[in-house]
Amino acid sequence: MCEANAYMVKDDEETLLMESVDLVEPEAEGTFRLVGIFGDQIVVKGKIKRMNLVEHRILFEE
């Protein structure tokens, strides 16, 4: 599987936003729509800090 988990990083602390993210799509300025493998969706405000696809991690920051 190629999905990743998405996290928000604030003050060097990571908070899980969504597991098994299959799609990251830019929306309005400063937001991203995350879609999981079962069709669940959330919108995240921030910017991508890092994507490590080998470790299956997407890090966002405000």
N, C-alpha and C. Protein backbone atom coordinates (compact mmCIF):
# COMPACT_ATOMS: atom_id res chain seq x y z
N MET A 1 0.83 -1.19 0.00
CA MET A 1 0.00 0.00 0.00
C MET A 1 0.88 1.24 0.00
N CYS A 2 0.36 2.30 -0.60
CA CYS A 2 1.13 3.54 -0.74
C CYS A 2 0.56 4.69 0.06
N GLU A 3 -0.47 4.45 0.87
CA GLU A 3 -1.05 5.55 1.62
C GLU A 3 -0.13 5.96 2.77
N ALA A 4 -0.39 7.16 3.28
CA ALA A 4 0.45 7.72 4.34
C ALA A 4 -0.45 8.27 5.44
N ASN A 5 0.13 8.51 6.60
CA ASN A 5 -0.57 9.18 7.69
C ASN A 5 -0.20 10.66 7.66
N ALA A 6 -1.17 11.52 7.95
CA ALA A 6 -0.95 12.97 7.94
C ALA A 6 -0.94 13.49 9.37
N TYR A 7 0.00 14.38 9.64
CA TYR A 7 0.18 14.96 10.97
C TYR A 7 0.29 16.48 10.88
N MET A 8 -0.16 17.18 11.92
CA MET A 8 0.06 18.61 12.07
C MET A 8 1.18 18.78 13.09
N VAL A 9 2.19 19.58 12.73
CA VAL A 9 3.33 19.82 13.62
C VAL A 9 3.19 21.23 14.19
N LYS A 10 3.22 21.31 15.52
CA LYS A 10 3.17 22.60 16.21
C LYS A 10 4.04 22.50 17.44
N ASP A 11 4.99 23.41 17.58
CA ASP A 11 5.92 23.42 18.71
C ASP A 11 6.62 22.07 18.86
N ASP A 12 7.06 21.51 17.74
CA ASP A 12 7.76 20.23 17.67
C ASP A 12 6.92 19.04 18.15
N GLU A 13 5.62 19.23 18.28
CA GLU A 13 4.69 18.15 18.64
C GLU A 13 3.89 17.76 17.40
N GLU A 14 3.73 16.47 17.16
CA GLU A 14 2.96 15.98 16.03
C GLU A 14 1.61 15.46 16.50
N THR A 15 0.56 15.93 15.83
CA THR A 15 -0.79 15.47 16.11
C THR A 15 -1.33 14.78 14.87
N LEU A 16 -1.81 13.56 15.03
CA LEU A 16 -2.34 12.81 13.90
C LEU A 16 -3.61 13.47 13.39
N LEU A 17 -3.65 13.76 12.08
CA LEU A 17 -4.84 14.32 11.45
C LEU A 17 -5.69 13.23 10.81
N MET A 18 -5.02 12.32 10.10
CA MET A 18 -5.74 11.28 9.38
C MET A 18 -4.80 10.13 9.07
N GLU A 19 -5.33 8.92 9.19
CA GLU A 19 -4.57 7.73 8.80
C GLU A 19 -4.95 7.33 7.38
N SER A 20 -4.07 6.60 6.72
CA SER A 20 -4.33 6.01 5.41
C SER A 20 -4.79 7.04 4.38
N VAL A 21 -4.06 8.15 4.27
CA VAL A 21 -4.35 9.18 3.28
C VAL A 21 -3.94 8.67 1.91
N ASP A 22 -4.88 8.76 0.97
CA ASP A 22 -4.64 8.29 -0.38
C ASP A 22 -4.45 9.45 -1.36
N LEU A 23 -5.02 10.63 -1.02
CA LEU A 23 -4.98 11.77 -1.92
C LEU A 23 -4.80 13.06 -1.11
N VAL A 24 -3.88 13.91 -1.54
CA VAL A 24 -3.71 15.26 -0.99
C VAL A 24 -3.93 16.21 -2.15
N GLU A 25 -4.94 17.07 -2.02
CA GLU A 25 -5.32 17.95 -3.12
C GLU A 25 -5.39 19.39 -2.61
N PRO A 26 -4.68 20.33 -3.26
CA PRO A 26 -4.78 21.73 -2.83
C PRO A 26 -6.18 22.27 -3.08
N GLU A 27 -6.67 23.03 -2.14
CA GLU A 27 -7.99 23.66 -2.26
C GLU A 27 -7.77 25.17 -2.31
N ALA A 28 -8.58 25.92 -1.60
CA ALA A 28 -8.41 27.37 -1.52
C ALA A 28 -7.04 27.66 -0.93
N GLU A 29 -6.58 28.86 -1.12
CA GLU A 29 -5.23 29.23 -0.67
C GLU A 29 -4.99 28.85 0.78
N GLY A 30 -3.96 28.04 0.99
CA GLY A 30 -3.58 27.66 2.35
C GLY A 30 -4.33 26.47 2.92
N THR A 31 -5.12 25.77 2.08
CA THR A 31 -5.82 24.59 2.58
C THR A 31 -5.59 23.40 1.64
N PHE A 32 -5.71 22.21 2.21
CA PHE A 32 -5.56 20.96 1.46
C PHE A 32 -6.70 20.03 1.84
N ARG A 33 -7.22 19.31 0.86
CA ARG A 33 -8.23 18.29 1.11
C ARG A 33 -7.52 16.95 1.15
N LEU A 34 -7.70 16.23 2.26
CA LEU A 34 -7.12 14.91 2.41
C LEU A 34 -8.25 13.88 2.28
N VAL A 35 -7.99 12.86 1.46
CA VAL A 35 -8.98 11.81 1.25
C VAL A 35 -8.35 10.49 1.65
N GLY A 36 -9.05 9.75 2.51
CA GLY A 36 -8.57 8.46 2.97
C GLY A 36 -8.96 7.34 2.02
N ILE A 37 -8.44 6.17 2.27
CA ILE A 37 -8.68 5.03 1.38
C ILE A 37 -10.14 4.57 1.38
N PHE A 38 -10.91 4.96 2.40
CA PHE A 38 -12.32 4.58 2.47
C PHE A 38 -13.24 5.74 2.08
N GLY A 39 -12.67 6.82 1.52
CA GLY A 39 -13.45 7.95 1.07
C GLY A 39 -13.68 9.04 2.11
N ASP A 40 -13.20 8.84 3.33
CA ASP A 40 -13.33 9.89 4.35
C ASP A 40 -12.47 11.08 3.95
N GLN A 41 -12.93 12.29 4.29
CA GLN A 41 -12.25 13.51 3.87
C GLN A 41 -12.17 14.51 5.02
N ILE A 42 -11.07 15.26 5.03
CA ILE A 42 -10.94 16.42 5.91
C ILE A 42 -10.23 17.52 5.13
N VAL A 43 -10.40 18.75 5.57
CA VAL A 43 -9.69 19.89 5.00
C VAL A 43 -8.74 20.41 6.05
N VAL A 44 -7.48 20.59 5.66
CA VAL A 44 -6.42 21.02 6.57
C VAL A 44 -5.96 22.40 6.15
N LYS A 45 -5.88 23.31 7.12
CA LYS A 45 -5.34 24.64 6.86
C LYS A 45 -3.88 24.65 7.27
N GLY A 46 -3.01 25.06 6.38
CA GLY A 46 -1.58 25.10 6.66
C GLY A 46 -0.78 24.89 5.39
N LYS A 47 0.45 24.51 5.59
CA LYS A 47 1.31 24.21 4.45
C LYS A 47 2.04 22.90 4.70
N ILE A 48 2.45 22.28 3.63
CA ILE A 48 3.17 21.02 3.76
C ILE A 48 4.59 21.33 4.22
N LYS A 49 4.96 20.75 5.33
CA LYS A 49 6.31 20.92 5.86
C LYS A 49 7.25 19.89 5.26
N ARG A 50 6.76 18.64 5.17
CA ARG A 50 7.61 17.56 4.64
C ARG A 50 6.73 16.38 4.27
N MET A 51 7.14 15.69 3.23
CA MET A 51 6.51 14.43 2.86
C MET A 51 7.61 13.38 2.78
N ASN A 52 7.47 12.34 3.57
CA ASN A 52 8.42 11.24 3.54
C ASN A 52 7.62 10.00 3.14
N LEU A 53 7.64 9.68 1.86
CA LEU A 53 6.81 8.60 1.36
C LEU A 53 7.37 7.23 1.70
N VAL A 54 8.65 7.14 1.97
CA VAL A 54 9.23 5.87 2.41
C VAL A 54 8.68 5.51 3.79
N GLU A 55 8.56 6.52 4.65
CA GLU A 55 8.02 6.31 6.01
C GLU A 55 6.51 6.49 6.06
N HIS A 56 5.89 6.83 4.93
CA HIS A 56 4.43 6.99 4.83
C HIS A 56 3.93 8.10 5.76
N ARG A 57 4.59 9.26 5.73
CA ARG A 57 4.24 10.38 6.61
C ARG A 57 4.16 11.68 5.81
N ILE A 58 3.09 12.45 6.08
CA ILE A 58 2.94 13.78 5.52
C ILE A 58 2.82 14.72 6.70
N LEU A 59 3.71 15.71 6.77
CA LEU A 59 3.71 16.66 7.88
C LEU A 59 3.24 18.02 7.40
N PHE A 60 2.26 18.57 8.09
CA PHE A 60 1.75 19.91 7.83
C PHE A 60 2.15 20.82 8.98
N GLU A 61 2.25 22.12 8.70
CA GLU A 61 2.44 23.11 9.75
C GLU A 61 1.54 24.31 9.45
N GLU A 62 1.18 25.03 10.51
CA GLU A 62 0.29 26.18 10.36
C GLU A 62 0.98 27.33 9.67
